């Protein structure tokens, strides 16, 4: 892989597939330069779960998110479901490699839905996902679980050998083997990762709902130049402190619940069809997902 000025790799996936954990572990490797923030959300039109922005990416601004030596890796996981991202990346970095994190799609979808409901991101984005069946019909929820449809879009632009697909269950069970495969795929030296030092895993039990003042503060922060924010934010980040998740700026969420069997019935037809497509594209069996 050419160590030029471009981006060399992309961590893709979907919310609640272990990508937050994996991106934090990748930061330990001295031969990697992980984007800062980990999800620049510049290349894809998908700027998180709810927001879509079809403007062309600002590559000059984008490259400033990579600070330091090593292979540059963008961890904007929402790019997996973006219809424009493969073409944009192929145009700029045709030799890029990809890591895709997946998870059993029923559990992933429900976990994602709960996160959005409990943080009220749906309400603040002009949607209402309180009814799970209505939420499932929303492209912004179900598309992230249709790995087959998403991958089909990517392999139309890149060879299958460009992709390393990781099942989050296997990643949790054997992180050493997983990271060895990641290093081999990226053609970097195998590394003795410290998994105990990595606490950034976006756990449901740690979830808190942002207050109205918190949202206003984040909106204001987005307009402040990085050279003013970094001296304040970086030391806190190194200490594992997220100021937007403090008790002063958040409150405890109302836990979202859904009937599992009813949810399975709602999702089953679309998911089973997509699992078959995913298997045909990858050559792997995901029988355990059925």
C-alpha atoms as a PDB file:
ATOM      1  CA  UNK A   1       0.000   0.000   0.000  1.00  0.00           C
ATOM      2  CA  UNK A   2       1.395   3.384  -1.028  1.00  0.00           C
ATOM      3  CA  UNK A   3       2.197   5.637   1.931  1.00  0.00           C
ATOM      4  CA  UNK A   4       1.276   8.800   0.051  1.00  0.00           C
ATOM      5  CA  UNK A   5      -0.910  11.674   1.131  1.00  0.00           C
ATOM      6  CA  UNK A   6      -4.179   9.814   0.625  1.00  0.00           C
ATOM      7  CA  UNK A   7      -6.341   7.694   2.889  1.00  0.00           C
ATOM      8  CA  UNK A   8      -5.319   4.060   2.916  1.00  0.00           C
ATOM      9  CA  UNK A   9      -8.110   2.264   4.762  1.00  0.00           C
ATOM     10  CA  UNK A  10     -11.672   2.637   6.002  1.00  0.00           C
ATOM     11  CA  UNK A  11     -13.414   1.037   8.977  1.00  0.00           C
ATOM     12  CA  UNK A  12     -17.018   0.444   7.958  1.00  0.00           C
ATOM     13  CA  UNK A  13     -19.958  -1.190   9.674  1.00  0.00           C
ATOM     14  CA  UNK A  14     -23.073  -0.095  11.450  1.00  0.00           C
ATOM     15  CA  UNK A  15     -23.957   1.245  14.889  1.00  0.00           C
ATOM     16  CA  UNK A  16     -23.741  -1.396  17.644  1.00  0.00           C
ATOM     17  CA  UNK A  17     -21.347  -3.678  15.740  1.00  0.00           C
ATOM     18  CA  UNK A  18     -18.269  -3.057  17.891  1.00  0.00           C
ATOM     19  CA  UNK A  19     -16.711  -0.415  15.659  1.00  0.00           C
ATOM     20  CA  UNK A  20     -16.158   2.031  18.543  1.00  0.00           C
ATOM     21  CA  UNK A  21     -14.148  -0.621  20.393  1.00  0.00           C
ATOM     22  CA  UNK A  22     -12.183  -1.586  17.292  1.00  0.00           C
ATOM     23  CA  UNK A  23     -11.320   1.978  16.311  1.00  0.00           C
ATOM     24  CA  UNK A  24      -9.999   2.641  19.823  1.00  0.00           C
ATOM     25  CA  UNK A  25      -7.804  -0.467  19.702  1.00  0.00           C
ATOM     26  CA  UNK A  26      -6.467   0.527  16.285  1.00  0.00           C
ATOM     27  CA  UNK A  27      -5.244   3.806  17.785  1.00  0.00           C
ATOM     28  CA  UNK A  28      -2.606   1.854  19.719  1.00  0.00           C
ATOM     29  CA  UNK A  29      -0.796   0.656  16.593  1.00  0.00           C
ATOM     30  CA  UNK A  30       2.258   2.822  15.821  1.00  0.00           C
ATOM     31  CA  UNK A  31       1.921   2.188  12.077  1.00  0.00           C
ATOM     32  CA  UNK A  32      -1.631   3.538  11.898  1.00  0.00           C
ATOM     33  CA  UNK A  33      -2.966   7.068  11.852  1.00  0.00           C
ATOM     34  CA  UNK A  34      -6.601   6.899  12.953  1.00  0.00           C
ATOM     35  CA  UNK A  35      -8.763   9.842  11.936  1.00  0.00           C
ATOM     36  CA  UNK A  36      -9.407  12.436  14.632  1.00  0.00           C
ATOM     37  CA  UNK A  37     -12.310  12.571  15.207  1.00  0.00           C
ATOM     38  CA  UNK A  38     -12.688   8.857  14.548  1.00  0.00           C
ATOM     39  CA  UNK A  39     -15.779   9.533  12.448  1.00  0.00           C
ATOM     40  CA  UNK A  40     -15.065  12.580  10.253  1.00  0.00           C
ATOM     41  CA  UNK A  41     -18.246  11.812   8.255  1.00  0.00           C
ATOM     42  CA  UNK A  42     -16.877  13.785   5.315  1.00  0.00           C
ATOM     43  CA  UNK A  43     -16.732  11.292   2.435  1.00  0.00           C
ATOM     44  CA  UNK A  44     -20.187   9.734   2.851  1.00  0.00           C
ATOM     45  CA  UNK A  45     -23.536  11.475   2.559  1.00  0.00           C
ATOM     46  CA  UNK A  46     -24.520   9.680   5.787  1.00  0.00           C
ATOM     47  CA  UNK A  47     -23.490  11.919   8.675  1.00  0.00           C
ATOM     48  CA  UNK A  48     -24.550   9.578  11.471  1.00  0.00           C
ATOM     49  CA  UNK A  49     -27.843   7.738  11.812  1.00  0.00           C
ATOM     50  CA  UNK A  50     -30.281  10.520  11.007  1.00  0.00           C
ATOM     51  CA  UNK A  51     -28.506  13.269   9.063  1.00  0.00           C
ATOM     52  CA  UNK A  52     -27.948  13.140   5.291  1.00  0.00           C
ATOM     53  CA  UNK A  53     -25.909  15.696   3.335  1.00  0.00           C
ATOM     54  CA  UNK A  54     -25.363  15.258  -0.407  1.00  0.00           C
ATOM     55  CA  UNK A  55     -22.718  17.961  -0.799  1.00  0.00           C
ATOM     56  CA  UNK A  56     -19.390  16.936  -2.320  1.00  0.00           C
ATOM     57  CA  UNK A  57     -16.680  16.177   0.280  1.00  0.00           C
ATOM     58  CA  UNK A  58     -14.171  18.895   1.143  1.00  0.00           C
ATOM     59  CA  UNK A  59     -10.955  16.904   0.719  1.00  0.00           C
ATOM     60  CA  UNK A  60      -8.692  19.717   1.903  1.00  0.00           C
ATOM     61  CA  UNK A  61     -10.616  19.913   5.171  1.00  0.00           C
ATOM     62  CA  UNK A  62     -10.868  16.130   5.334  1.00  0.00           C
ATOM     63  CA  UNK A  63      -7.132  15.477   5.219  1.00  0.00           C
ATOM     64  CA  UNK A  64      -6.646  17.694   8.289  1.00  0.00           C
ATOM     65  CA  UNK A  65      -8.373  14.976  10.325  1.00  0.00           C
ATOM     66  CA  UNK A  66      -5.270  12.788   9.965  1.00  0.00           C
ATOM     67  CA  UNK A  67      -2.462  13.888  12.243  1.00  0.00           C
ATOM     68  CA  UNK A  68       0.813  12.015  12.397  1.00  0.00           C
ATOM     69  CA  UNK A  69       2.639   9.282  10.469  1.00  0.00           C
ATOM     70  CA  UNK A  70       1.381   5.876   9.389  1.00  0.00           C
ATOM     71  CA  UNK A  71      -1.397   4.418   7.288  1.00  0.00           C
ATOM     72  CA  UNK A  72      -4.377   6.737   7.397  1.00  0.00           C
ATOM     73  CA  UNK A  73      -7.623   5.001   8.386  1.00  0.00           C
ATOM     74  CA  UNK A  74     -11.040   6.679   8.441  1.00  0.00           C
ATOM     75  CA  UNK A  75     -13.463   5.185  10.980  1.00  0.00           C
ATOM     76  CA  UNK A  76     -16.682   6.756   9.665  1.00  0.00           C
ATOM     77  CA  UNK A  77     -18.685   3.549   9.963  1.00  0.00           C
ATOM     78  CA  UNK A  78     -21.894   4.980   8.486  1.00  0.00           C
ATOM     79  CA  UNK A  79     -20.198   5.037   5.074  1.00  0.00           C
ATOM     80  CA  UNK A  80     -21.080   1.328   4.678  1.00  0.00           C
ATOM     81  CA  UNK A  81     -24.728   2.094   3.909  1.00  0.00           C
ATOM     82  CA  UNK A  82     -24.012   5.241   1.879  1.00  0.00           C
ATOM     83  CA  UNK A  83     -24.715   4.793  -1.855  1.00  0.00           C
ATOM     84  CA  UNK A  84     -22.178   7.469  -2.839  1.00  0.00           C
ATOM     85  CA  UNK A  85     -19.189   6.484  -0.687  1.00  0.00           C
ATOM     86  CA  UNK A  86     -17.786   3.610  -2.823  1.00  0.00           C
ATOM     87  CA  UNK A  87     -17.658   5.747  -5.962  1.00  0.00           C
ATOM     88  CA  UNK A  88     -16.107   8.708  -4.140  1.00  0.00           C
ATOM     89  CA  UNK A  89     -13.421   6.555  -2.516  1.00  0.00           C
ATOM     90  CA  UNK A  90     -12.661   4.709  -5.761  1.00  0.00           C
ATOM     91  CA  UNK A  91     -12.213   8.041  -7.517  1.00  0.00           C
ATOM     92  CA  UNK A  92      -9.709   9.326  -4.944  1.00  0.00           C
ATOM     93  CA  UNK A  93      -8.131   6.189  -3.416  1.00  0.00           C
ATOM     94  CA  UNK A  94      -8.644   3.192  -5.742  1.00  0.00           C
ATOM     95  CA  UNK A  95      -6.207   0.996  -3.757  1.00  0.00           C
ATOM     96  CA  UNK A  96      -7.941   1.503  -0.407  1.00  0.00           C
ATOM     97  CA  UNK A  97      -8.648  -1.409   1.905  1.00  0.00           C
ATOM     98  CA  UNK A  98     -11.703  -1.886   4.087  1.00  0.00           C
ATOM     99  CA  UNK A  99     -12.654  -3.489   7.397  1.00  0.00           C
ATOM    100  CA  UNK A 100     -16.363  -4.221   7.803  1.00  0.00           C
ATOM    101  CA  UNK A 101     -17.807  -5.040  11.231  1.00  0.00           C
ATOM    102  CA  UNK A 102     -21.114  -6.904  11.237  1.00  0.00           C
ATOM    103  CA  UNK A 103     -23.362  -8.325  13.923  1.00  0.00           C
ATOM    104  CA  UNK A 104     -26.361 -10.659  13.962  1.00  0.00           C
ATOM    105  CA  UNK A 105     -28.833  -8.260  12.296  1.00  0.00           C
ATOM    106  CA  UNK A 106     -31.864  -8.654  14.584  1.00  0.00           C
ATOM    107  CA  UNK A 107     -29.862  -7.896  17.733  1.00  0.00           C
ATOM    108  CA  UNK A 108     -28.005  -5.084  15.948  1.00  0.00           C
ATOM    109  CA  UNK A 109     -31.195  -3.404  14.769  1.00  0.00           C
ATOM    110  CA  UNK A 110     -32.890  -3.546  18.159  1.00  0.00           C
ATOM    111  CA  UNK A 111     -29.768  -2.251  19.919  1.00  0.00           C
ATOM    112  CA  UNK A 112     -29.491   0.587  17.395  1.00  0.00           C
ATOM    113  CA  UNK A 113     -33.181   1.439  17.782  1.00  0.00           C
ATOM    114  CA  UNK A 114     -32.865   1.499  21.577  1.00  0.00           C
ATOM    115  CA  UNK A 115     -29.861   3.830  21.374  1.00  0.00           C
ATOM    116  CA  UNK A 116     -31.684   6.305  19.126  1.00  0.00           C
ATOM    117  CA  UNK A 117     -34.853   6.220  21.241  1.00  0.00           C
ATOM    118  CA  UNK A 118     -33.038   6.576  24.557  1.00  0.00           C
ATOM    119  CA  UNK A 119     -30.950   9.523  23.383  1.00  0.00           C
ATOM    120  CA  UNK A 120     -34.047  10.999  21.656  1.00  0.00           C
ATOM    121  CA  UNK A 121     -32.033  11.483  18.477  1.00  0.00           C
ATOM    122  CA  UNK A 122     -35.107  10.548  16.437  1.00  0.00           C
ATOM    123  CA  UNK A 123     -37.262  13.259  18.030  1.00  0.00           C
ATOM    124  CA  UNK A 124     -34.591  15.928  17.643  1.00  0.00           C
ATOM    125  CA  UNK A 125     -34.216  14.947  13.981  1.00  0.00           C
ATOM    126  CA  UNK A 126     -37.926  15.360  13.237  1.00  0.00           C
ATOM    127  CA  UNK A 127     -38.787  11.646  13.355  1.00  0.00           C
ATOM    128  CA  UNK A 128     -40.594   9.414  15.833  1.00  0.00           C
ATOM    129  CA  UNK A 129     -39.318   5.860  16.220  1.00  0.00           C
ATOM    130  CA  UNK A 130     -41.403   5.028  19.299  1.00  0.00           C
ATOM    131  CA  UNK A 131     -43.301   2.415  17.243  1.00  0.00           C
ATOM    132  CA  UNK A 132     -40.685  -0.178  16.251  1.00  0.00           C
ATOM    133  CA  UNK A 133     -42.552  -1.245  13.107  1.00  0.00           C
ATOM    134  CA  UNK A 134     -42.652   2.354  11.864  1.00  0.00           C
ATOM    135  CA  UNK A 135     -38.974   2.765  12.745  1.00  0.00           C
ATOM    136  CA  UNK A 136     -38.064  -0.408  10.815  1.00  0.00           C
ATOM    137  CA  UNK A 137     -39.663   1.001   7.686  1.00  0.00           C
ATOM    138  CA  UNK A 138     -37.314   3.986   7.919  1.00  0.00           C
ATOM    139  CA  UNK A 139     -34.348   3.498   5.585  1.00  0.00           C
ATOM    140  CA  UNK A 140     -32.090   5.039   8.234  1.00  0.00           C
ATOM    141  CA  UNK A 141     -32.673   2.078  10.531  1.00  0.00           C
ATOM    142  CA  UNK A 142     -33.077  -0.967   8.315  1.00  0.00           C
ATOM    143  CA  UNK A 143     -30.408  -0.181   5.696  1.00  0.00           C
ATOM    144  CA  UNK A 144     -27.596  -0.574   8.244  1.00  0.00           C
ATOM    145  CA  UNK A 145     -28.666  -4.190   8.823  1.00  0.00           C
ATOM    146  CA  UNK A 146     -28.837  -5.096   5.131  1.00  0.00           C
ATOM    147  CA  UNK A 147     -25.189  -6.069   4.838  1.00  0.00           C
ATOM    148  CA  UNK A 148     -25.745  -7.845   1.525  1.00  0.00           C
ATOM    149  CA  UNK A 149     -27.234  -4.799  -0.192  1.00  0.00           C
ATOM    150  CA  UNK A 150     -24.501  -2.592   1.212  1.00  0.00           C
ATOM    151  CA  UNK A 151     -21.645  -4.912   0.231  1.00  0.00           C
ATOM    152  CA  UNK A 152     -23.063  -5.345  -3.260  1.00  0.00           C
ATOM    153  CA  UNK A 153     -22.632  -1.620  -3.766  1.00  0.00           C
ATOM    154  CA  UNK A 154     -19.017  -1.749  -2.575  1.00  0.00           C
ATOM    155  CA  UNK A 155     -17.873  -4.783  -4.576  1.00  0.00           C
ATOM    156  CA  UNK A 156     -19.111  -3.080  -7.725  1.00  0.00           C
ATOM    157  CA  UNK A 157     -16.202  -0.646  -7.216  1.00  0.00           C
ATOM    158  CA  UNK A 158     -13.587  -2.714  -5.335  1.00  0.00           C
ATOM    159  CA  UNK A 159     -12.462  -6.375  -5.450  1.00  0.00           C
ATOM    160  CA  UNK A 160     -13.686  -8.617  -2.644  1.00  0.00           C
ATOM    161  CA  UNK A 161     -10.055  -9.072  -1.533  1.00  0.00           C
ATOM    162  CA  UNK A 162     -10.091  -5.404  -0.446  1.00  0.00           C
ATOM    163  CA  UNK A 163     -12.504  -6.254   2.376  1.00  0.00           C
ATOM    164  CA  UNK A 164     -11.968  -7.921   5.750  1.00  0.00           C
ATOM    165  CA  UNK A 165     -15.331  -8.835   7.270  1.00  0.00           C
ATOM    166  CA  UNK A 166     -15.418  -9.236  11.057  1.00  0.00           C
ATOM    167  CA  UNK A 167     -18.308 -10.712  13.037  1.00  0.00           C
ATOM    168  CA  UNK A 168     -18.523  -8.714  16.278  1.00  0.00           C
ATOM    169  CA  UNK A 169     -19.305 -11.890  18.251  1.00  0.00           C
ATOM    170  CA  UNK A 170     -16.031 -13.473  17.140  1.00  0.00           C
ATOM    171  CA  UNK A 171     -14.220 -10.188  17.765  1.00  0.00           C
ATOM    172  CA  UNK A 172     -15.337 -10.197  21.411  1.00  0.00           C
ATOM    173  CA  UNK A 173     -14.563 -13.900  21.809  1.00  0.00           C
ATOM    174  CA  UNK A 174     -11.049 -13.784  20.356  1.00  0.00           C
ATOM    175  CA  UNK A 175      -9.726 -10.207  20.054  1.00  0.00           C
ATOM    176  CA  UNK A 176      -6.129 -11.404  19.594  1.00  0.00           C
ATOM    177  CA  UNK A 177      -7.000 -13.454  16.515  1.00  0.00           C
ATOM    178  CA  UNK A 178      -9.169 -10.621  15.203  1.00  0.00           C
ATOM    179  CA  UNK A 179      -6.432  -8.021  15.461  1.00  0.00           C
ATOM    180  CA  UNK A 180      -3.906 -10.363  13.869  1.00  0.00           C
ATOM    181  CA  UNK A 181      -6.244 -10.659  10.883  1.00  0.00           C
ATOM    182  CA  UNK A 182      -6.632  -6.862  10.785  1.00  0.00           C
ATOM    183  CA  UNK A 183      -2.857  -6.351  10.751  1.00  0.00           C
ATOM    184  CA  UNK A 184      -2.431  -8.913   7.980  1.00  0.00           C
ATOM    185  CA  UNK A 185      -5.192  -7.315   5.930  1.00  0.00           C
ATOM    186  CA  UNK A 186      -3.666  -3.838   6.259  1.00  0.00           C
ATOM    187  CA  UNK A 187      -0.161  -5.246   5.681  1.00  0.00           C
ATOM    188  CA  UNK A 188       1.221  -3.819   8.919  1.00  0.00           C
ATOM    189  CA  UNK A 189       3.281  -5.454  11.665  1.00  0.00           C
ATOM    190  CA  UNK A 190       1.408  -7.636  14.132  1.00  0.00           C
ATOM    191  CA  UNK A 191       1.159  -5.759  17.429  1.00  0.00           C
ATOM    192  CA  UNK A 192       0.673  -6.674  21.090  1.00  0.00           C
ATOM    193  CA  UNK A 193      -2.495  -4.670  21.732  1.00  0.00           C
ATOM    194  CA  UNK A 194      -3.492  -3.837  25.295  1.00  0.00           C
ATOM    195  CA  UNK A 195      -7.184  -4.712  25.336  1.00  0.00           C
ATOM    196  CA  UNK A 196      -7.519  -3.951  29.043  1.00  0.00           C
ATOM    197  CA  UNK A 197      -6.561  -0.322  28.388  1.00  0.00           C
ATOM    198  CA  UNK A 198      -9.417   0.094  25.944  1.00  0.00           C
ATOM    199  CA  UNK A 199     -12.566   1.171  27.790  1.00  0.00           C
ATOM    200  CA  UNK A 200     -14.231   2.998  24.888  1.00  0.00           C
ATOM    201  CA  UNK A 201     -16.946   0.554  23.843  1.00  0.00           C
ATOM    202  CA  UNK A 202     -20.126   2.669  23.780  1.00  0.00           C
ATOM    203  CA  UNK A 203     -21.928   0.514  26.355  1.00  0.00           C
ATOM    204  CA  UNK A 204     -25.692   0.749  26.740  1.00  0.00           C
ATOM    205  CA  UNK A 205     -25.409   0.994  30.520  1.00  0.00           C
ATOM    206  CA  UNK A 206     -23.300   4.141  30.127  1.00  0.00           C
ATOM    207  CA  UNK A 207     -25.825   5.821  27.847  1.00  0.00           C
ATOM    208  CA  UNK A 208     -27.213   9.183  28.883  1.00  0.00           C
ATOM    209  CA  UNK A 209     -29.650  11.565  27.202  1.00  0.00           C
ATOM    210  CA  UNK A 210     -28.241  14.983  26.184  1.00  0.00           C
ATOM    211  CA  UNK A 211     -30.049  18.007  27.589  1.00  0.00           C
ATOM    212  CA  UNK A 212     -31.252  20.903  25.463  1.00  0.00           C
ATOM    213  CA  UNK A 213     -28.288  22.977  26.659  1.00  0.00           C
ATOM    214  CA  UNK A 214     -25.963  20.114  25.643  1.00  0.00           C
ATOM    215  CA  UNK A 215     -27.318  20.180  22.078  1.00  0.00           C
ATOM    216  CA  UNK A 216     -26.893  23.944  21.875  1.00  0.00           C
ATOM    217  CA  UNK A 217     -23.330  23.601  23.188  1.00  0.00           C
ATOM    218  CA  UNK A 218     -22.479  20.941  20.587  1.00  0.00           C
ATOM    219  CA  UNK A 219     -23.928  23.121  17.838  1.00  0.00           C
ATOM    220  CA  UNK A 220     -21.826  26.050  19.040  1.00  0.00           C
ATOM    221  CA  UNK A 221     -18.730  23.867  19.317  1.00  0.00           C
ATOM    222  CA  UNK A 222     -19.074  22.737  15.684  1.00  0.00           C
ATOM    223  CA  UNK A 223     -18.613  26.364  14.619  1.00  0.00           C
ATOM    224  CA  UNK A 224     -15.436  26.940  16.645  1.00  0.00           C
ATOM    225  CA  UNK A 225     -12.143  26.433  14.726  1.00  0.00           C
ATOM    226  CA  UNK A 226     -10.177  23.325  15.694  1.00  0.00           C
ATOM    227  CA  UNK A 227      -7.067  25.322  16.650  1.00  0.00           C
ATOM    228  CA  UNK A 228      -9.102  26.853  19.479  1.00  0.00           C
ATOM    229  CA  UNK A 229     -10.812  23.629  20.585  1.00  0.00           C
ATOM    230  CA  UNK A 230      -7.906  21.173  20.481  1.00  0.00           C
ATOM    231  CA  UNK A 231      -5.906  22.622  23.443  1.00  0.00           C
ATOM    232  CA  UNK A 232      -9.002  22.105  25.631  1.00  0.00           C
ATOM    233  CA  UNK A 233     -10.510  18.925  24.222  1.00  0.00           C
ATOM    234  CA  UNK A 234      -7.344  16.856  23.615  1.00  0.00           C
ATOM    235  CA  UNK A 235      -6.119  16.694  27.258  1.00  0.00           C
ATOM    236  CA  UNK A 236      -9.610  15.654  28.363  1.00  0.00           C
ATOM    237  CA  UNK A 237      -9.785  13.046  25.612  1.00  0.00           C
ATOM    238  CA  UNK A 238      -6.472  11.529  26.728  1.00  0.00           C
ATOM    239  CA  UNK A 239      -7.979  11.191  30.210  1.00  0.00           C
ATOM    240  CA  UNK A 240     -11.029   9.439  28.766  1.00  0.00           C
ATOM    241  CA  UNK A 241     -13.334  12.365  29.563  1.00  0.00           C
ATOM    242  CA  UNK A 242     -16.175  13.312  27.217  1.00  0.00           C
ATOM    243  CA  UNK A 243     -17.484  16.673  28.394  1.00  0.00           C
ATOM    244  CA  UNK A 244     -20.711  16.170  26.454  1.00  0.00           C
ATOM    245  CA  UNK A 245     -21.476  13.049  28.501  1.00  0.00           C
ATOM    246  CA  UNK A 246     -21.075  14.583  31.958  1.00  0.00           C
ATOM    247  CA  UNK A 247     -23.967  14.531  34.438  1.00  0.00           C
ATOM    248  CA  UNK A 248     -24.257  18.312  34.189  1.00  0.00           C
ATOM    249  CA  UNK A 249     -25.081  18.095  30.482  1.00  0.00           C
ATOM    250  CA  UNK A 250     -27.087  14.862  30.397  1.00  0.00           C
ATOM    251  CA  UNK A 251     -29.913  13.041  32.130  1.00  0.00           C
ATOM    252  CA  UNK A 252     -30.838   9.396  32.511  1.00  0.00           C
ATOM    253  CA  UNK A 253     -32.832   8.079  29.531  1.00  0.00           C
ATOM    254  CA  UNK A 254     -36.188   6.333  29.608  1.00  0.00           C
ATOM    255  CA  UNK A 255     -35.342   2.748  28.668  1.00  0.00           C
ATOM    256  CA  UNK A 256     -36.821   1.747  25.295  1.00  0.00           C
ATOM    257  CA  UNK A 257     -38.315  -1.742  25.120  1.00  0.00           C
ATOM    258  CA  UNK A 258     -39.681  -3.874  22.290  1.00  0.00           C
ATOM    259  CA  UNK A 259     -41.231  -7.351  22.117  1.00  0.00           C
ATOM    260  CA  UNK A 260     -38.448  -9.518  20.657  1.00  0.00           C
ATOM    261  CA  UNK A 261     -40.672 -12.045  18.886  1.00  0.00           C
ATOM    262  CA  UNK A 262     -42.797  -9.298  17.362  1.00  0.00           C
ATOM    263  CA  UNK A 263     -39.671  -7.474  16.208  1.00  0.00           C
ATOM    264  CA  UNK A 264     -38.318 -10.646  14.604  1.00  0.00           C
ATOM    265  CA  UNK A 265     -41.570 -11.110  12.722  1.00  0.00           C
ATOM    266  CA  UNK A 266     -41.433  -7.530  11.452  1.00  0.00           C
ATOM    267  CA  UNK A 267     -37.848  -7.855  10.227  1.00  0.00           C
ATOM    268  CA  UNK A 268     -37.570 -11.498   9.170  1.00  0.00           C
ATOM    269  CA  UNK A 269     -38.560 -11.393   5.497  1.00  0.00           C
ATOM    270  CA  UNK A 270     -36.218  -8.557   4.554  1.00  0.00           C
ATOM    271  CA  UNK A 271     -33.331  -9.825   6.688  1.00  0.00           C
ATOM    272  CA  UNK A 272     -33.461 -13.462   5.564  1.00  0.00           C
ATOM    273  CA  UNK A 273     -33.382 -12.409   1.937  1.00  0.00           C
ATOM    274  CA  UNK A 274     -30.411 -10.121   2.614  1.00  0.00           C
ATOM    275  CA  UNK A 275     -28.473 -12.777   4.573  1.00  0.00           C
ATOM    276  CA  UNK A 276     -28.657 -15.014   1.504  1.00  0.00           C
ATOM    277  CA  UNK A 277     -27.273 -12.201  -0.639  1.00  0.00           C
ATOM    278  CA  UNK A 278     -24.496 -11.497   1.882  1.00  0.00           C
ATOM    279  CA  UNK A 279     -23.519 -15.177   1.903  1.00  0.00           C
ATOM    280  CA  UNK A 280     -23.433 -15.339  -1.887  1.00  0.00           C
ATOM    281  CA  UNK A 281     -21.198 -12.269  -2.089  1.00  0.00           C
ATOM    282  CA  UNK A 282     -18.744 -13.279   0.652  1.00  0.00           C
ATOM    283  CA  UNK A 283     -18.714 -17.048   0.231  1.00  0.00           C
ATOM    284  CA  UNK A 284     -19.190 -17.337   4.005  1.00  0.00           C
ATOM    285  CA  UNK A 285     -22.003 -19.036   5.910  1.00  0.00           C
ATOM    286  CA  UNK A 286     -24.092 -17.035   8.388  1.00  0.00           C
ATOM    287  CA  UNK A 287     -26.482 -19.846   9.233  1.00  0.00           C
ATOM    288  CA  UNK A 288     -26.255 -18.925  12.931  1.00  0.00           C
ATOM    289  CA  UNK A 289     -27.940 -15.622  12.119  1.00  0.00           C
ATOM    290  CA  UNK A 290     -31.076 -17.383  10.988  1.00  0.00           C
END
